[in-house]
Amino acid sequence: MISIKQVDFNGIDSLEYVNEPKPNVTNNSVLIKVSVLPVVPTDIKKESNPNATSEQFGKLPRTIGVAGVGKVVAVGINRDKNLIDKRVFFSQSSWCFQRILTEPK
């Protein structure tokens, strides 16, 4: 799995592609294959200012991306199996909502 990591606070030049192991699917989790990962204002603020947030994201390295769109590829045993192959919007759980997107017509 490829992720994008921020390694210091020097803006966009601080981003690196990193190969990481595929995460395990826990009982309550949903595994999403991401197709779009936008850069949002939260990411931009955090790229150059370690004090832009009081969250754990002030620590480096960190995976960027607090929102995106993708397709559900696996679900935990406590999740609805009908979610598999559905397109979803996701964002950081501390300030977000989630919903299933309809397929484009």
PDB file of N, CA and C in Angstrom:
ATOM      1  N   MET A   1       0.843  -1.158   0.000  1.00  0.00           N
ATOM      2  CA  MET A   1       0.000   0.000   0.000  1.00  0.00           C
ATOM      3  C   MET A   1       0.899   1.235   0.000  1.00  0.00           C
ATOM      4  N   ILE A   2       0.545   2.218  -0.805  1.00  0.00           N
ATOM      5  CA  ILE A   2       1.327   3.458  -0.856  1.00  0.00           C
ATOM      6  C   ILE A   2       0.606   4.520  -0.045  1.00  0.00           C
ATOM      7  N   SER A   3       1.333   5.198   0.828  1.00  0.00           N
ATOM      8  CA  SER A   3       0.782   6.343   1.544  1.00  0.00           C
ATOM      9  C   SER A   3       1.702   7.535   1.306  1.00  0.00           C
ATOM     10  N   ILE A   4       1.204   8.701   1.628  1.00  0.00           N
ATOM     11  CA  ILE A   4       1.990   9.927   1.498  1.00  0.00           C
ATOM     12  C   ILE A   4       2.273  10.426   2.902  1.00  0.00           C
ATOM     13  N   LYS A   5       3.547  10.543   3.224  1.00  0.00           N
ATOM     14  CA  LYS A   5       3.962  10.952   4.568  1.00  0.00           C
ATOM     15  C   LYS A   5       4.581  12.343   4.532  1.00  0.00           C
ATOM     16  N   GLN A   6       4.263  13.132   5.533  1.00  0.00           N
ATOM     17  CA  GLN A   6       4.917  14.418   5.755  1.00  0.00           C
ATOM     18  C   GLN A   6       6.065  14.158   6.713  1.00  0.00           C
ATOM     19  N   VAL A   7       7.289  14.550   6.328  1.00  0.00           N
ATOM     20  CA  VAL A   7       8.460  14.231   7.152  1.00  0.00           C
ATOM     21  C   VAL A   7       9.032  15.434   7.905  1.00  0.00           C
ATOM     22  N   ASP A   8       8.704  16.666   7.487  1.00  0.00           N
ATOM     23  CA  ASP A   8       9.094  17.864   8.230  1.00  0.00           C
ATOM     24  C   ASP A   8       8.112  18.981   7.913  1.00  0.00           C
ATOM     25  N   PHE A   9       8.370  20.179   8.382  1.00  0.00           N
ATOM     26  CA  PHE A   9       7.431  21.287   8.204  1.00  0.00           C
ATOM     27  C   PHE A   9       7.913  22.275   7.147  1.00  0.00           C
ATOM     28  N   ASN A  10       8.406  21.765   6.010  1.00  0.00           N
ATOM     29  CA  ASN A  10       8.889  22.613   4.923  1.00  0.00           C
ATOM     30  C   ASN A  10       7.977  22.572   3.713  1.00  0.00           C
ATOM     31  N   GLY A  11       6.668  22.496   3.936  1.00  0.00           N
ATOM     32  CA  GLY A  11       5.701  22.567   2.852  1.00  0.00           C
ATOM     33  C   GLY A  11       5.659  21.318   2.004  1.00  0.00           C
ATOM     34  N   ILE A  12       5.247  21.497   0.753  1.00  0.00           N
ATOM     35  CA  ILE A  12       5.009  20.365  -0.138  1.00  0.00           C
ATOM     36  C   ILE A  12       6.254  19.525  -0.387  1.00  0.00           C
ATOM     37  N   ASP A  13       7.437  20.126  -0.271  1.00  0.00           N
ATOM     38  CA  ASP A  13       8.675  19.376  -0.461  1.00  0.00           C
ATOM     39  C   ASP A  13       8.923  18.375   0.665  1.00  0.00           C
ATOM     40  N   SER A  14       8.116  18.427   1.696  1.00  0.00           N
ATOM     41  CA  SER A  14       8.255  17.518   2.841  1.00  0.00           C
ATOM     42  C   SER A  14       7.464  16.230   2.674  1.00  0.00           C
ATOM     43  N   LEU A  15       6.811  16.066   1.531  1.00  0.00           N
ATOM     44  CA  LEU A  15       5.969  14.898   1.328  1.00  0.00           C
ATOM     45  C   LEU A  15       6.741  13.803   0.603  1.00  0.00           C
ATOM     46  N   GLU A  16       6.570  12.576   1.064  1.00  0.00           N
ATOM     47  CA  GLU A  16       7.247  11.424   0.468  1.00  0.00           C
ATOM     48  C   GLU A  16       6.263  10.273   0.294  1.00  0.00           C
ATOM     49  N   TYR A  17       6.410   9.536  -0.807  1.00  0.00           N
ATOM     50  CA  TYR A  17       5.660   8.295  -0.986  1.00  0.00           C
ATOM     51  C   TYR A  17       6.322   7.215  -0.139  1.00  0.00           C
ATOM     52  N   VAL A  18       5.514   6.438   0.566  1.00  0.00           N
ATOM     53  CA  VAL A  18       6.037   5.386   1.442  1.00  0.00           C
ATOM     54  C   VAL A  18       5.231   4.108   1.202  1.00  0.00           C
ATOM     55  N   ASN A  19       5.927   2.999   1.002  1.00  0.00           N
ATOM     56  CA  ASN A  19       5.255   1.697   0.917  1.00  0.00           C
ATOM     57  C   ASN A  19       5.063   1.167   2.328  1.00  0.00           C
ATOM     58  N   GLU A  20       3.813   0.814   2.642  1.00  0.00           N
ATOM     59  CA  GLU A  20       3.488   0.305   3.968  1.00  0.00           C
ATOM     60  C   GLU A  20       2.674  -0.969   3.834  1.00  0.00           C
ATOM     61  N   PRO A  21       2.662  -1.808   4.857  1.00  0.00           N
ATOM     62  CA  PRO A  21       1.841  -3.021   4.789  1.00  0.00           C
ATOM     63  C   PRO A  21       0.353  -2.675   4.764  1.00  0.00           C
ATOM     64  N   LYS A  22      -0.420  -3.515   4.109  1.00  0.00           N
ATOM     65  CA  LYS A  22      -1.869  -3.337   4.082  1.00  0.00           C
ATOM     66  C   LYS A  22      -2.396  -3.480   5.506  1.00  0.00           C
ATOM     67  N   PRO A  23      -3.253  -2.545   5.960  1.00  0.00           N
ATOM     68  CA  PRO A  23      -3.754  -2.635   7.344  1.00  0.00           C
ATOM     69  C   PRO A  23      -4.678  -3.833   7.542  1.00  0.00           C
ATOM     70  N   ASN A  24      -4.702  -4.341   8.748  1.00  0.00           N
ATOM     71  CA  ASN A  24      -5.618  -5.422   9.092  1.00  0.00           C
ATOM     72  C   ASN A  24      -7.026  -4.872   9.223  1.00  0.00           C
ATOM     73  N   VAL A  25      -7.996  -5.670   8.851  1.00  0.00           N
ATOM     74  CA  VAL A  25      -9.398  -5.290   9.012  1.00  0.00           C
ATOM     75  C   VAL A  25      -9.842  -5.789  10.385  1.00  0.00           C
ATOM     76  N   THR A  26     -10.152  -4.846  11.269  1.00  0.00           N
ATOM     77  CA  THR A  26     -10.627  -5.198  12.605  1.00  0.00           C
ATOM     78  C   THR A  26     -12.143  -5.408  12.580  1.00  0.00           C
ATOM     79  N   ASN A  27     -12.717  -5.853  13.688  1.00  0.00           N
ATOM     80  CA  ASN A  27     -14.150  -6.159  13.742  1.00  0.00           C
ATOM     81  C   ASN A  27     -15.046  -5.006  13.299  1.00  0.00           C
ATOM     82  N   ASN A  28     -14.667  -3.770  13.624  1.00  0.00           N
ATOM     83  CA  ASN A  28     -15.519  -2.616  13.329  1.00  0.00           C
ATOM     84  C   ASN A  28     -15.008  -1.762  12.175  1.00  0.00           C
ATOM     85  N   SER A  29     -13.958  -2.179  11.501  1.00  0.00           N
ATOM     86  CA  SER A  29     -13.358  -1.308  10.493  1.00  0.00           C
ATOM     87  C   SER A  29     -13.875  -1.574   9.085  1.00  0.00           C
ATOM     88  N   VAL A  30     -13.548  -0.635   8.222  1.00  0.00           N
ATOM     89  CA  VAL A  30     -13.858  -0.714   6.800  1.00  0.00           C
ATOM     90  C   VAL A  30     -12.567  -0.381   6.067  1.00  0.00           C
ATOM     91  N   LEU A  31     -12.171  -1.219   5.119  1.00  0.00           N
ATOM     92  CA  LEU A  31     -10.965  -0.974   4.335  1.00  0.00           C
ATOM     93  C   LEU A  31     -11.386  -0.378   2.998  1.00  0.00           C
ATOM     94  N   ILE A  32     -10.823   0.800   2.685  1.00  0.00           N
ATOM     95  CA  ILE A  32     -11.199   1.541   1.484  1.00  0.00           C
ATOM     96  C   ILE A  32      -9.996   1.677   0.575  1.00  0.00           C
ATOM     97  N   LYS A  33     -10.156   1.306  -0.707  1.00  0.00           N
ATOM     98  CA  LYS A  33      -9.132   1.574  -1.710  1.00  0.00           C
ATOM     99  C   LYS A  33      -9.390   2.992  -2.201  1.00  0.00           C
ATOM    100  N   VAL A  34      -8.462   3.893  -1.906  1.00  0.00           N
ATOM    101  CA  VAL A  34      -8.649   5.319  -2.166  1.00  0.00           C
ATOM    102  C   VAL A  34      -8.362   5.626  -3.629  1.00  0.00           C
ATOM    103  N   SER A  35      -9.264   6.381  -4.246  1.00  0.00           N
ATOM    104  CA  SER A  35      -9.043   6.804  -5.629  1.00  0.00           C
ATOM    105  C   SER A  35      -8.769   8.304  -5.727  1.00  0.00           C
ATOM    106  N   VAL A  36      -9.292   9.096  -4.792  1.00  0.00           N
ATOM    107  CA  VAL A  36      -9.054  10.539  -4.772  1.00  0.00           C
ATOM    108  C   VAL A  36      -8.759  10.964  -3.339  1.00  0.00           C
ATOM    109  N   LEU A  37      -7.631  11.624  -3.153  1.00  0.00           N
ATOM    110  CA  LEU A  37      -7.237  12.137  -1.843  1.00  0.00           C
ATOM    111  C   LEU A  37      -6.912  13.622  -2.021  1.00  0.00           C
ATOM    112  N   PRO A  38      -7.881  14.503  -1.791  1.00  0.00           N
ATOM    113  CA  PRO A  38      -7.635  15.918  -2.024  1.00  0.00           C
ATOM    114  C   PRO A  38      -6.738  16.533  -0.958  1.00  0.00           C
ATOM    115  N   VAL A  39      -6.074  17.600  -1.331  1.00  0.00           N
ATOM    116  CA  VAL A  39      -5.353  18.410  -0.351  1.00  0.00           C
ATOM    117  C   VAL A  39      -6.348  19.452   0.138  1.00  0.00           C
ATOM    118  N   VAL A  40      -6.602  19.436   1.431  1.00  0.00           N
ATOM    119  CA  VAL A  40      -7.585  20.343   2.026  1.00  0.00           C
ATOM    120  C   VAL A  40      -6.865  21.364   2.904  1.00  0.00           C
ATOM    121  N   PRO A  41      -7.528  22.459   3.280  1.00  0.00           N
ATOM    122  CA  PRO A  41      -6.861  23.484   4.092  1.00  0.00           C
ATOM    123  C   PRO A  41      -6.179  22.952   5.343  1.00  0.00           C
ATOM    124  N   THR A  42      -6.767  21.936   5.980  1.00  0.00           N
ATOM    125  CA  THR A  42      -6.142  21.360   7.165  1.00  0.00           C
ATOM    126  C   THR A  42      -4.768  20.799   6.848  1.00  0.00           C
ATOM    127  N   ASP A  43      -4.635  20.111   5.708  1.00  0.00           N
ATOM    128  CA  ASP A  43      -3.332  19.573   5.303  1.00  0.00           C
ATOM    129  C   ASP A  43      -2.332  20.694   5.049  1.00  0.00           C
ATOM    130  N   ILE A  44      -2.758  21.745   4.361  1.00  0.00           N
ATOM    131  CA  ILE A  44      -1.859  22.849   4.014  1.00  0.00           C
ATOM    132  C   ILE A  44      -1.344  23.536   5.272  1.00  0.00           C
ATOM    133  N   LYS A  45      -2.217  23.808   6.230  1.00  0.00           N
ATOM    134  CA  LYS A  45      -1.790  24.456   7.473  1.00  0.00           C
ATOM    135  C   LYS A  45      -0.769  23.612   8.213  1.00  0.00           C
ATOM    136  N   LYS A  46      -0.983  22.298   8.222  1.00  0.00           N
ATOM    137  CA  LYS A  46      -0.101  21.409   8.963  1.00  0.00           C
ATOM    138  C   LYS A  46       1.240  21.212   8.271  1.00  0.00           C
ATOM    139  N   GLU A  47       1.321  21.489   6.952  1.00  0.00           N
ATOM    140  CA  GLU A  47       2.580  21.288   6.229  1.00  0.00           C
ATOM    141  C   GLU A  47       3.668  22.238   6.677  1.00  0.00           C
ATOM    142  N   SER A  48       3.296  23.435   7.119  1.00  0.00           N
ATOM    143  CA  SER A  48       4.321  24.421   7.432  1.00  0.00           C
ATOM    144  C   SER A  48       4.309  24.902   8.880  1.00  0.00           C
ATOM    145  N   ASN A  49       3.333  24.467   9.665  1.00  0.00           N
ATOM    146  CA  ASN A  49       3.230  24.971  11.030  1.00  0.00           C
ATOM    147  C   ASN A  49       2.922  23.831  11.997  1.00  0.00           C
ATOM    148  N   PRO A  50       3.881  23.399  12.791  1.00  0.00           N
ATOM    149  CA  PRO A  50       3.622  22.294  13.718  1.00  0.00           C
ATOM    150  C   PRO A  50       2.590  22.643  14.790  1.00  0.00           C
ATOM    151  N   ASN A  51       2.302  23.933  14.987  1.00  0.00           N
ATOM    152  CA  ASN A  51       1.339  24.361  15.996  1.00  0.00           C
ATOM    153  C   ASN A  51      -0.030  24.681  15.411  1.00  0.00           C
ATOM    154  N   ALA A  52      -0.255  24.321  14.137  1.00  0.00           N
ATOM    155  CA  ALA A  52      -1.528  24.620  13.487  1.00  0.00           C
ATOM    156  C   ALA A  52      -2.658  23.758  14.033  1.00  0.00           C
ATOM    157  N   THR A  53      -2.320  22.741  14.769  1.00  0.00           N
ATOM    158  CA  THR A  53      -3.326  21.846  15.315  1.00  0.00           C
ATOM    159  C   THR A  53      -2.895  21.357  16.693  1.00  0.00           C
ATOM    160  N   SER A  54      -3.856  21.103  17.533  1.00  0.00           N
ATOM    161  CA  SER A  54      -3.529  20.550  18.848  1.00  0.00           C
ATOM    162  C   SER A  54      -3.658  19.034  18.847  1.00  0.00           C
ATOM    163  N   GLU A  55      -3.948  18.467  17.677  1.00  0.00           N
ATOM    164  CA  GLU A  55      -4.115  17.020  17.562  1.00  0.00           C
ATOM    165  C   GLU A  55      -2.765  16.318  17.567  1.00  0.00           C
ATOM    166  N   GLN A  56      -2.812  15.006  17.501  1.00  0.00           N
ATOM    167  CA  GLN A  56      -1.599  14.203  17.467  1.00  0.00           C
ATOM    168  C   GLN A  56      -0.832  14.402  16.169  1.00  0.00           C
ATOM    169  N   PHE A  57      -1.414  15.105  15.187  1.00  0.00           N
ATOM    170  CA  PHE A  57      -0.770  15.278  13.894  1.00  0.00           C
ATOM    171  C   PHE A  57       0.398  16.251  13.927  1.00  0.00           C
ATOM    172  N   GLY A  58       0.667  16.874  15.060  1.00  0.00           N
ATOM    173  CA  GLY A  58       1.850  17.712  15.180  1.00  0.00           C
ATOM    174  C   GLY A  58       3.125  16.888  15.218  1.00  0.00           C
ATOM    175  N   LYS A  59       2.990  15.579  15.404  1.00  0.00           N
ATOM    176  CA  LYS A  59       4.146  14.690  15.455  1.00  0.00           C
ATOM    177  C   LYS A  59       4.449  14.160  14.064  1.00  0.00           C
ATOM    178  N   LEU A  60       5.723  14.048  13.736  1.00  0.00           N
ATOM    179  CA  LEU A  60       6.136  13.571  12.420  1.00  0.00           C
ATOM    180  C   LEU A  60       6.897  12.262  12.545  1.00  0.00           C
ATOM    181  N   PRO A  61       6.952  11.445  11.490  1.00  0.00           N
ATOM    182  CA  PRO A  61       6.207  11.603  10.240  1.00  0.00           C
ATOM    183  C   PRO A  61       4.732  11.285  10.447  1.00  0.00           C
ATOM    184  N   ARG A  62       3.889  11.820   9.587  1.00  0.00           N
ATOM    185  CA  ARG A  62       2.459  11.560   9.663  1.00  0.00           C
ATOM    186  C   ARG A  62       1.914  11.350   8.261  1.00  0.00           C
ATOM    187  N   THR A  63       0.874  10.553   8.163  1.00  0.00           N
ATOM    188  CA  THR A  63       0.217  10.318   6.883  1.00  0.00           C
ATOM    189  C   THR A  63      -0.715  11.481   6.612  1.00  0.00           C
ATOM    190  N   ILE A  64      -0.593  12.100   5.432  1.00  0.00           N
ATOM    191  CA  ILE A  64      -1.490  13.205   5.127  1.00  0.00           C
ATOM    192  C   ILE A  64      -2.788  12.677   4.555  1.00  0.00           C
ATOM    193  N   GLY A  65      -3.770  13.543   4.557  1.00  0.00           N
ATOM    194  CA  GLY A  65      -5.062  13.214   3.996  1.00  0.00           C
ATOM    195  C   GLY A  65      -6.096  13.022   5.081  1.00  0.00           C
ATOM    196  N   VAL A  66      -7.020  13.953   5.174  1.00  0.00           N
ATOM    197  CA  VAL A  66      -8.075  13.845   6.168  1.00  0.00           C
ATOM    198  C   VAL A  66      -9.426  13.563   5.529  1.00  0.00           C
ATOM    199  N   ALA A  67      -9.448  13.464   4.200  1.00  0.00           N
ATOM    200  CA  ALA A  67     -10.687  13.177   3.486  1.00  0.00           C
ATOM    201  C   ALA A  67     -10.344  12.540   2.152  1.00  0.00           C
ATOM    202  N   GLY A  68     -11.316  11.858   1.568  1.00  0.00           N
ATOM    203  CA  GLY A  68     -11.088  11.260   0.266  1.00  0.00           C
ATOM    204  C   GLY A  68     -12.302  10.495  -0.223  1.00  0.00           C
ATOM    205  N   VAL A  69     -12.126   9.891  -1.384  1.00  0.00           N
ATOM    206  CA  VAL A  69     -13.171   9.093  -1.998  1.00  0.00           C
ATOM    207  C   VAL A  69     -12.538   7.776  -2.432  1.00  0.00           C
ATOM    208  N   GLY A  70     -13.268   6.695  -2.283  1.00  0.00           N
ATOM    209  CA  GLY A  70     -12.742   5.407  -2.704  1.00  0.00           C
ATOM    210  C   GLY A  70     -13.830   4.359  -2.740  1.00  0.00           C
ATOM    211  N   LYS A  71     -13.397   3.099  -2.772  1.00  0.00           N
ATOM    212  CA  LYS A  71     -14.302   1.961  -2.869  1.00  0.00           C
ATOM    213  C   LYS A  71     -14.013   1.008  -1.714  1.00  0.00           C
ATOM    214  N   VAL A  72     -15.054   0.546  -1.048  1.00  0.00           N
ATOM    215  CA  VAL A  72     -14.903  -0.393   0.058  1.00  0.00           C
ATOM    216  C   VAL A  72     -14.456  -1.743  -0.496  1.00  0.00           C
ATOM    217  N   VAL A  73     -13.341  -2.255   0.021  1.00  0.00           N
ATOM    218  CA  VAL A  73     -12.819  -3.541  -0.446  1.00  0.00           C
ATOM    219  C   VAL A  73     -12.930  -4.640   0.615  1.00  0.00           C
ATOM    220  N   ALA A  74     -13.118  -4.276   1.879  1.00  0.00           N
ATOM    221  CA  ALA A  74     -13.283  -5.270   2.939  1.00  0.00           C
ATOM    222  C   ALA A  74     -13.951  -4.598   4.137  1.00  0.00           C
ATOM    223  N   VAL A  75     -14.675  -5.404   4.910  1.00  0.00           N
ATOM    224  CA  VAL A  75     -15.330  -4.896   6.121  1.00  0.00           C
ATOM    225  C   VAL A  75     -15.105  -5.870   7.270  1.00  0.00           C
ATOM    226  N   GLY A  76     -15.109  -5.347   8.481  1.00  0.00           N
ATOM    227  CA  GLY A  76     -15.021  -6.185   9.666  1.00  0.00           C
ATOM    228  C   GLY A  76     -16.322  -6.927   9.906  1.00  0.00           C
ATOM    229  N   ILE A  77     -16.291  -7.889  10.820  1.00  0.00           N
ATOM    230  CA  ILE A  77     -17.468  -8.736  11.033  1.00  0.00           C
ATOM    231  C   ILE A  77     -18.660  -7.978  11.613  1.00  0.00           C
ATOM    232  N   ASN A  78     -18.427  -6.807  12.209  1.00  0.00           N
ATOM    233  CA  ASN A  78     -19.532  -6.012  12.757  1.00  0.00           C
ATOM    234  C   ASN A  78     -20.087  -5.000  11.756  1.00  0.00           C
ATOM    235  N   ARG A  79     -19.612  -5.035  10.525  1.00  0.00           N
ATOM    236  CA  ARG A  79     -20.073  -4.104   9.484  1.00  0.00           C
ATOM    237  C   ARG A  79     -20.923  -4.834   8.456  1.00  0.00           C
ATOM    238  N   ASP A  80     -21.764  -4.082   7.779  1.00  0.00           N
ATOM    239  CA  ASP A  80     -22.650  -4.623   6.753  1.00  0.00           C
ATOM    240  C   ASP A  80     -21.840  -5.045   5.526  1.00  0.00           C
ATOM    241  N   LYS A  81     -21.909  -6.306   5.157  1.00  0.00           N
ATOM    242  CA  LYS A  81     -21.164  -6.815   3.999  1.00  0.00           C
ATOM    243  C   LYS A  81     -21.633  -6.186   2.686  1.00  0.00           C
ATOM    244  N   ASN A  82     -22.829  -5.587   2.682  1.00  0.00           N
ATOM    245  CA  ASN A  82     -23.328  -4.916   1.479  1.00  0.00           C
ATOM    246  C   ASN A  82     -22.530  -3.657   1.141  1.00  0.00           C
ATOM    247  N   LEU A  83     -21.676  -3.214   2.058  1.00  0.00           N
ATOM    248  CA  LEU A  83     -20.818  -2.057   1.783  1.00  0.00           C
ATOM    249  C   LEU A  83     -19.711  -2.378   0.776  1.00  0.00           C
ATOM    250  N   ILE A  84     -19.332  -3.650   0.674  1.00  0.00           N
ATOM    251  CA  ILE A  84     -18.243  -4.027  -0.229  1.00  0.00           C
ATOM    252  C   ILE A  84     -18.608  -3.630  -1.655  1.00  0.00           C
ATOM    253  N   ASP A  85     -17.653  -3.020  -2.344  1.00  0.00           N
ATOM    254  CA  ASP A  85     -17.761  -2.510  -3.720  1.00  0.00           C
ATOM    255  C   ASP A  85     -18.561  -1.207  -3.828  1.00  0.00           C
ATOM    256  N   LYS A  86     -18.953  -0.615  -2.704  1.00  0.00           N
ATOM    257  CA  LYS A  86     -19.660   0.673  -2.738  1.00  0.00           C
ATOM    258  C   LYS A  86     -18.651   1.817  -2.724  1.00  0.00           C
ATOM    259  N   ARG A  87     -18.966   2.889  -3.446  1.00  0.00           N
ATOM    260  CA  ARG A  87     -18.151   4.096  -3.399  1.00  0.00           C
ATOM    261  C   ARG A  87     -18.480   4.856  -2.123  1.00  0.00           C
ATOM    262  N   VAL A  88     -17.460   5.408  -1.469  1.00  0.00           N
ATOM    263  CA  VAL A  88     -17.679   6.124  -0.213  1.00  0.00           C
ATOM    264  C   VAL A  88     -16.856   7.411  -0.182  1.00  0.00           C
ATOM    265  N   PHE A  89     -17.360   8.347   0.566  1.00  0.00           N
ATOM    266  CA  PHE A  89     -16.626   9.549   0.952  1.00  0.00           C
ATOM    267  C   PHE A  89     -16.192   9.301   2.386  1.00  0.00           C
ATOM    268  N   PHE A  90     -14.944   9.654   2.722  1.00  0.00           N
ATOM    269  CA  PHE A  90     -14.510   9.492   4.111  1.00  0.00           C
ATOM    270  C   PHE A  90     -13.747  10.731   4.537  1.00  0.00           C
ATOM    271  N   SER A  91     -13.720  10.959   5.835  1.00  0.00           N
ATOM    272  CA  SER A  91     -12.918  12.041   6.397  1.00  0.00           C
ATOM    273  C   SER A  91     -12.568  11.689   7.830  1.00  0.00           C
ATOM    274  N   GLN A  92     -11.691  12.472   8.398  1.00  0.00           N
ATOM    275  CA  GLN A  92     -11.196  12.195   9.747  1.00  0.00           C
ATOM    276  C   GLN A  92     -12.363  12.073  10.711  1.00  0.00           C
ATOM    277  N   SER A  93     -12.385  11.009  11.493  1.00  0.00           N
ATOM    278  CA  SER A  93     -13.564  10.685  12.296  1.00  0.00           C
ATOM    279  C   SER A  93     -13.872  11.685  13.402  1.00  0.00           C
ATOM    280  N   SER A  94     -12.918  12.484  13.833  1.00  0.00           N
ATOM    281  CA  SER A  94     -13.197  13.389  14.947  1.00  0.00           C
ATOM    282  C   SER A  94     -14.035  14.603  14.535  1.00  0.00           C
ATOM    283  N   TRP A  95     -14.183  14.837  13.226  1.00  0.00           N
ATOM    284  CA  TRP A  95     -14.978  15.998  12.819  1.00  0.00           C
ATOM    285  C   TRP A  95     -15.810  15.718  11.580  1.00  0.00           C
ATOM    286  N   CYS A  96     -16.134  14.474  11.312  1.00  0.00           N
ATOM    287  CA  CYS A  96     -16.713  14.160  10.011  1.00  0.00           C
ATOM    288  C   CYS A  96     -18.017  13.414  10.078  1.00  0.00           C
ATOM    289  N   PHE A  97     -18.512  13.187   8.884  1.00  0.00           N
ATOM    290  CA  PHE A  97     -19.624  12.277   8.679  1.00  0.00           C
ATOM    291  C   PHE A  97     -19.216  11.355   7.546  1.00  0.00           C
ATOM    292  N   GLN A  98     -19.909  10.235   7.428  1.00  0.00           N
ATOM    293  CA  GLN A  98     -19.646   9.321   6.328  1.00  0.00           C
ATOM    294  C   GLN A  98     -20.973   8.986   5.679  1.00  0.00           C
ATOM    295  N   ARG A  99     -20.926   8.749   4.375  1.00  0.00           N
ATOM    296  CA  ARG A  99     -22.136   8.318   3.698  1.00  0.00           C
ATOM    297  C   ARG A  99     -21.755   7.571   2.429  1.00  0.00           C
ATOM    298  N   ILE A 100     -22.653   6.750   1.967  1.00  0.00           N
ATOM    299  CA  ILE A 100     -22.437   6.024   0.722  1.00  0.00           C
ATOM    300  C   ILE A 100     -22.808   6.962  -0.421  1.00  0.00           C
ATOM    301  N   LEU A 101     -21.935   7.060  -1.404  1.00  0.00           N
ATOM    302  CA  LEU A 101     -22.226   7.859  -2.583  1.00  0.00           C
ATOM    303  C   LEU A 101     -22.940   6.993  -3.600  1.00  0.00           C
ATOM    304  N   THR A 102     -23.849   7.586  -4.330  1.00  0.00           N
ATOM    305  CA  THR A 102     -24.515   6.817  -5.378  1.00  0.00           C
ATOM    306  C   THR A 102     -23.571   6.652  -6.556  1.00  0.00           C
ATOM    307  N   GLU A 103     -23.741   5.589  -7.289  1.00  0.00           N
ATOM    308  CA  GLU A 103     -22.927   5.359  -8.479  1.00  0.00           C
ATOM    309  C   GLU A 103     -23.283   6.412  -9.524  1.00  0.00           C
ATOM    310  N   PRO A 104     -22.283   6.896 -10.284  1.00  0.00           N
ATOM    311  CA  PRO A 104     -22.583   7.877 -11.330  1.00  0.00           C
ATOM    312  C   PRO A 104     -23.487   7.256 -12.384  1.00  0.00           C
ATOM    313  N   LYS A 105     -24.365   8.071 -12.937  1.00  0.00           N
ATOM    314  CA  LYS A 105     -25.317   7.577 -13.956  1.00  0.00           C
ATOM    315  C   LYS A 105     -24.752   7.717 -15.339  1.00  0.00           C
TER     316      LYS A 105
END
